[in-house]
Amino acid sequence: NLTPARITADKTAARHSGIRLLQLSPAVIACGHGTPSTTHSSDDLMALFNILRQE
């Protein structure tokens, strides 16, 4: 289900997109440089992201 790329001022939509990206590839997103993080497991990263998701 790909949707066309677009810029949005809708913070909720942007947050949901970010969460979806994190779920798809948490290690790559966590490091921020395109190199997977090897210092934390995916479970650890998802636990962190779930905390952020609830904020």
PDB file of N, CA and C in Angstrom:
ATOM      1  N   ASN A   1       0.832  -1.194   0.000  1.00  0.00           N
ATOM      2  CA  ASN A   1       0.000   0.000   0.000  1.00  0.00           C
ATOM      3  C   ASN A   1       0.870   1.249   0.000  1.00  0.00           C
ATOM      4  N   LEU A   2       1.391   1.603  -1.123  1.00  0.00           N
ATOM      5  CA  LEU A   2       2.197   2.813  -1.221  1.00  0.00           C
ATOM      6  C   LEU A   2       1.301   3.986  -1.571  1.00  0.00           C
ATOM      7  N   THR A   3       1.554   5.098  -0.941  1.00  0.00           N
ATOM      8  CA  THR A   3       0.818   6.320  -1.251  1.00  0.00           C
ATOM      9  C   THR A   3       1.801   7.323  -1.833  1.00  0.00           C
ATOM     10  N   PRO A   4       1.322   8.272  -2.615  1.00  0.00           N
ATOM     11  CA  PRO A   4       2.229   9.262  -3.196  1.00  0.00           C
ATOM     12  C   PRO A   4       2.933  10.079  -2.106  1.00  0.00           C
ATOM     13  N   ALA A   5       4.187  10.416  -2.368  1.00  0.00           N
ATOM     14  CA  ALA A   5       4.939  11.252  -1.420  1.00  0.00           C
ATOM     15  C   ALA A   5       4.325  12.642  -1.388  1.00  0.00           C
ATOM     16  N   ARG A   6       4.263  13.218  -0.200  1.00  0.00           N
ATOM     17  CA  ARG A   6       3.740  14.575  -0.078  1.00  0.00           C
ATOM     18  C   ARG A   6       4.203  15.177   1.242  1.00  0.00           C
ATOM     19  N   ILE A   7       4.172  16.480   1.306  1.00  0.00           N
ATOM     20  CA  ILE A   7       4.501  17.192   2.538  1.00  0.00           C
ATOM     21  C   ILE A   7       3.188  17.485   3.244  1.00  0.00           C
ATOM     22  N   THR A   8       3.174  17.289   4.545  1.00  0.00           N
ATOM     23  CA  THR A   8       1.944  17.517   5.292  1.00  0.00           C
ATOM     24  C   THR A   8       2.192  18.415   6.496  1.00  0.00           C
ATOM     25  N   ALA A   9       1.207  19.205   6.819  1.00  0.00           N
ATOM     26  CA  ALA A   9       1.256  20.005   8.040  1.00  0.00           C
ATOM     27  C   ALA A   9       0.521  19.274   9.158  1.00  0.00           C
ATOM     28  N   ASP A  10      -0.006  18.096   8.837  1.00  0.00           N
ATOM     29  CA  ASP A  10      -0.752  17.295   9.807  1.00  0.00           C
ATOM     30  C   ASP A  10       0.239  16.519  10.673  1.00  0.00           C
ATOM     31  N   LYS A  11       0.438  16.978  11.888  1.00  0.00           N
ATOM     32  CA  LYS A  11       1.427  16.348  12.771  1.00  0.00           C
ATOM     33  C   LYS A  11       1.067  14.904  13.087  1.00  0.00           C
ATOM     34  N   THR A  12      -0.213  14.619  13.211  1.00  0.00           N
ATOM     35  CA  THR A  12      -0.635  13.249  13.507  1.00  0.00           C
ATOM     36  C   THR A  12      -0.282  12.318  12.351  1.00  0.00           C
ATOM     37  N   ALA A  13      -0.525  12.759  11.134  1.00  0.00           N
ATOM     38  CA  ALA A  13      -0.187  11.942   9.962  1.00  0.00           C
ATOM     39  C   ALA A  13       1.319  11.717   9.878  1.00  0.00           C
ATOM     40  N   ALA A  14       2.093  12.748  10.146  1.00  0.00           N
ATOM     41  CA  ALA A  14       3.550  12.621  10.113  1.00  0.00           C
ATOM     42  C   ALA A  14       4.028  11.654  11.188  1.00  0.00           C
ATOM     43  N   ARG A  15       3.440  11.737  12.360  1.00  0.00           N
ATOM     44  CA  ARG A  15       3.814  10.843  13.463  1.00  0.00           C
ATOM     45  C   ARG A  15       3.495   9.386  13.107  1.00  0.00           C
ATOM     46  N   HIS A  16       2.327   9.155  12.523  1.00  0.00           N
ATOM     47  CA  HIS A  16       1.949   7.795  12.129  1.00  0.00           C
ATOM     48  C   HIS A  16       2.895   7.256  11.062  1.00  0.00           C
ATOM     49  N   SER A  17       3.307   8.102  10.142  1.00  0.00           N
ATOM     50  CA  SER A  17       4.262   7.683   9.113  1.00  0.00           C
ATOM     51  C   SER A  17       5.595   7.313   9.748  1.00  0.00           C
ATOM     52  N   GLY A  18       6.041   8.121  10.699  1.00  0.00           N
ATOM     53  CA  GLY A  18       7.293   7.830  11.398  1.00  0.00           C
ATOM     54  C   GLY A  18       7.226   6.522  12.160  1.00  0.00           C
ATOM     55  N   ILE A  19       6.111   6.287  12.828  1.00  0.00           N
ATOM     56  CA  ILE A  19       5.934   5.042  13.577  1.00  0.00           C
ATOM     57  C   ILE A  19       5.969   3.852  12.629  1.00  0.00           C
ATOM     58  N   ARG A  20       5.323   3.984  11.491  1.00  0.00           N
ATOM     59  CA  ARG A  20       5.303   2.892  10.509  1.00  0.00           C
ATOM     60  C   ARG A  20       6.720   2.596  10.001  1.00  0.00           C
ATOM     61  N   LEU A  21       7.502   3.629   9.748  1.00  0.00           N
ATOM     62  CA  LEU A  21       8.894   3.423   9.324  1.00  0.00           C
ATOM     63  C   LEU A  21       9.698   2.717  10.403  1.00  0.00           C
ATOM     64  N   LEU A  22       9.492   3.106  11.648  1.00  0.00           N
ATOM     65  CA  LEU A  22      10.210   2.478  12.753  1.00  0.00           C
ATOM     66  C   LEU A  22       9.854   1.006  12.863  1.00  0.00           C
ATOM     67  N   GLN A  23       8.601   0.686  12.644  1.00  0.00           N
ATOM     68  CA  GLN A  23       8.177  -0.709  12.717  1.00  0.00           C
ATOM     69  C   GLN A  23       8.775  -1.529  11.581  1.00  0.00           C
ATOM     70  N   LEU A  24       8.933  -0.920  10.434  1.00  0.00           N
ATOM     71  CA  LEU A  24       9.481  -1.640   9.288  1.00  0.00           C
ATOM     72  C   LEU A  24      10.977  -1.900   9.430  1.00  0.00           C
ATOM     73  N   SER A  25      11.713  -0.944   9.981  1.00  0.00           N
ATOM     74  CA  SER A  25      13.163  -1.086  10.056  1.00  0.00           C
ATOM     75  C   SER A  25      13.729  -0.307  11.236  1.00  0.00           C
ATOM     76  N   PRO A  26      13.487  -0.758  12.463  1.00  0.00           N
ATOM     77  CA  PRO A  26      13.911   0.011  13.638  1.00  0.00           C
ATOM     78  C   PRO A  26      15.413   0.232  13.750  1.00  0.00           C
ATOM     79  N   ALA A  27      16.228  -0.749  13.391  1.00  0.00           N
ATOM     80  CA  ALA A  27      17.673  -0.596  13.563  1.00  0.00           C
ATOM     81  C   ALA A  27      18.240   0.468  12.641  1.00  0.00           C
ATOM     82  N   VAL A  28      17.775   0.517  11.415  1.00  0.00           N
ATOM     83  CA  VAL A  28      18.283   1.502  10.462  1.00  0.00           C
ATOM     84  C   VAL A  28      17.838   2.898  10.858  1.00  0.00           C
ATOM     85  N   ILE A  29      16.580   3.047  11.224  1.00  0.00           N
ATOM     86  CA  ILE A  29      16.051   4.353  11.611  1.00  0.00           C
ATOM     87  C   ILE A  29      16.725   4.845  12.894  1.00  0.00           C
ATOM     88  N   ALA A  30      16.993   3.959  13.825  1.00  0.00           N
ATOM     89  CA  ALA A  30      17.551   4.352  15.120  1.00  0.00           C
ATOM     90  C   ALA A  30      18.920   4.996  14.983  1.00  0.00           C
ATOM     91  N   CYS A  31      19.734   4.519  14.048  1.00  0.00           N
ATOM     92  CA  CYS A  31      21.077   5.077  13.944  1.00  0.00           C
ATOM     93  C   CYS A  31      21.068   6.397  13.179  1.00  0.00           C
ATOM     94  N   GLY A  32      20.103   6.582  12.286  1.00  0.00           N
ATOM     95  CA  GLY A  32      19.964   7.842  11.576  1.00  0.00           C
ATOM     96  C   GLY A  32      20.947   8.074  10.446  1.00  0.00           C
ATOM     97  N   HIS A  33      21.784   7.100  10.142  1.00  0.00           N
ATOM     98  CA  HIS A  33      22.782   7.294   9.089  1.00  0.00           C
ATOM     99  C   HIS A  33      22.723   6.215   8.020  1.00  0.00           C
ATOM    100  N   GLY A  34      21.712   5.372   8.060  1.00  0.00           N
ATOM    101  CA  GLY A  34      21.577   4.333   7.049  1.00  0.00           C
ATOM    102  C   GLY A  34      22.374   3.079   7.332  1.00  0.00           C
ATOM    103  N   THR A  35      23.114   3.049   8.434  1.00  0.00           N
ATOM    104  CA  THR A  35      23.845   1.856   8.829  1.00  0.00           C
ATOM    105  C   THR A  35      23.128   1.240  10.021  1.00  0.00           C
ATOM    106  N   PRO A  36      22.713  -0.019   9.931  1.00  0.00           N
ATOM    107  CA  PRO A  36      21.949  -0.612  11.034  1.00  0.00           C
ATOM    108  C   PRO A  36      22.687  -0.566  12.369  1.00  0.00           C
ATOM    109  N   SER A  37      21.940  -0.288  13.405  1.00  0.00           N
ATOM    110  CA  SER A  37      22.483  -0.299  14.760  1.00  0.00           C
ATOM    111  C   SER A  37      22.676  -1.747  15.186  1.00  0.00           C
ATOM    112  N   THR A  38      23.858  -2.078  15.653  1.00  0.00           N
ATOM    113  CA  THR A  38      24.118  -3.449  16.095  1.00  0.00           C
ATOM    114  C   THR A  38      24.258  -3.534  17.607  1.00  0.00           C
ATOM    115  N   THR A  39      24.107  -2.407  18.290  1.00  0.00           N
ATOM    116  CA  THR A  39      24.300  -2.407  19.739  1.00  0.00           C
ATOM    117  C   THR A  39      23.026  -2.730  20.508  1.00  0.00           C
ATOM    118  N   HIS A  40      21.883  -2.706  19.838  1.00  0.00           N
ATOM    119  CA  HIS A  40      20.612  -3.008  20.495  1.00  0.00           C
ATOM    120  C   HIS A  40      19.815  -3.968  19.634  1.00  0.00           C
ATOM    121  N   SER A  41      19.075  -4.838  20.289  1.00  0.00           N
ATOM    122  CA  SER A  41      18.224  -5.759  19.529  1.00  0.00           C
ATOM    123  C   SER A  41      16.986  -5.026  19.024  1.00  0.00           C
ATOM    124  N   SER A  42      16.327  -5.610  18.047  1.00  0.00           N
ATOM    125  CA  SER A  42      15.090  -5.014  17.538  1.00  0.00           C
ATOM    126  C   SER A  42      14.047  -4.902  18.641  1.00  0.00           C
ATOM    127  N   ASP A  43      14.012  -5.884  19.542  1.00  0.00           N
ATOM    128  CA  ASP A  43      13.057  -5.827  20.659  1.00  0.00           C
ATOM    129  C   ASP A  43      13.334  -4.629  21.554  1.00  0.00           C
ATOM    130  N   ASP A  44      14.622  -4.363  21.828  1.00  0.00           N
ATOM    131  CA  ASP A  44      14.988  -3.198  22.644  1.00  0.00           C
ATOM    132  C   ASP A  44      14.561  -1.906  21.960  1.00  0.00           C
ATOM    133  N   LEU A  45      14.832  -1.823  20.660  1.00  0.00           N
ATOM    134  CA  LEU A  45      14.476  -0.616  19.917  1.00  0.00           C
ATOM    135  C   LEU A  45      12.968  -0.422  19.865  1.00  0.00           C
ATOM    136  N   MET A  46      12.222  -1.503  19.652  1.00  0.00           N
ATOM    137  CA  MET A  46      10.767  -1.378  19.604  1.00  0.00           C
ATOM    138  C   MET A  46      10.206  -0.981  20.965  1.00  0.00           C
ATOM    139  N   ALA A  47      10.813  -1.447  22.047  1.00  0.00           N
ATOM    140  CA  ALA A  47      10.371  -1.037  23.381  1.00  0.00           C
ATOM    141  C   ALA A  47      10.547   0.471  23.545  1.00  0.00           C
ATOM    142  N   LEU A  48      11.675   1.003  23.086  1.00  0.00           N
ATOM    143  CA  LEU A  48      11.915   2.443  23.138  1.00  0.00           C
ATOM    144  C   LEU A  48      10.895   3.185  22.276  1.00  0.00           C
ATOM    145  N   PHE A  49      10.673   2.698  21.072  1.00  0.00           N
ATOM    146  CA  PHE A  49       9.746   3.371  20.168  1.00  0.00           C
ATOM    147  C   PHE A  49       8.316   3.329  20.690  1.00  0.00           C
ATOM    148  N   ASN A  50       7.951   2.250  21.372  1.00  0.00           N
ATOM    149  CA  ASN A  50       6.601   2.176  21.942  1.00  0.00           C
ATOM    150  C   ASN A  50       6.415   3.213  23.036  1.00  0.00           C
ATOM    151  N   ILE A  51       7.475   3.498  23.783  1.00  0.00           N
ATOM    152  CA  ILE A  51       7.412   4.563  24.793  1.00  0.00           C
ATOM    153  C   ILE A  51       7.198   5.900  24.099  1.00  0.00           C
ATOM    154  N   LEU A  52       7.966   6.160  23.045  1.00  0.00           N
ATOM    155  CA  LEU A  52       7.828   7.416  22.303  1.00  0.00           C
ATOM    156  C   LEU A  52       6.446   7.529  21.672  1.00  0.00           C
ATOM    157  N   ARG A  53       5.932   6.417  21.217  1.00  0.00           N
ATOM    158  CA  ARG A  53       4.631   6.373  20.552  1.00  0.00           C
ATOM    159  C   ARG A  53       3.507   6.785  21.495  1.00  0.00           C
ATOM    160  N   GLN A  54       3.666   6.483  22.779  1.00  0.00           N
ATOM    161  CA  GLN A  54       2.621   6.783  23.758  1.00  0.00           C
ATOM    162  C   GLN A  54       2.655   8.230  24.220  1.00  0.00           C
ATOM    163  N   GLU A  55       3.745   8.932  23.944  1.00  0.00           N
ATOM    164  CA  GLU A  55       3.863  10.326  24.398  1.00  0.00           C
ATOM    165  C   GLU A  55       2.966  11.257  23.618  1.00  0.00           C
TER     166      GLU A  55
END
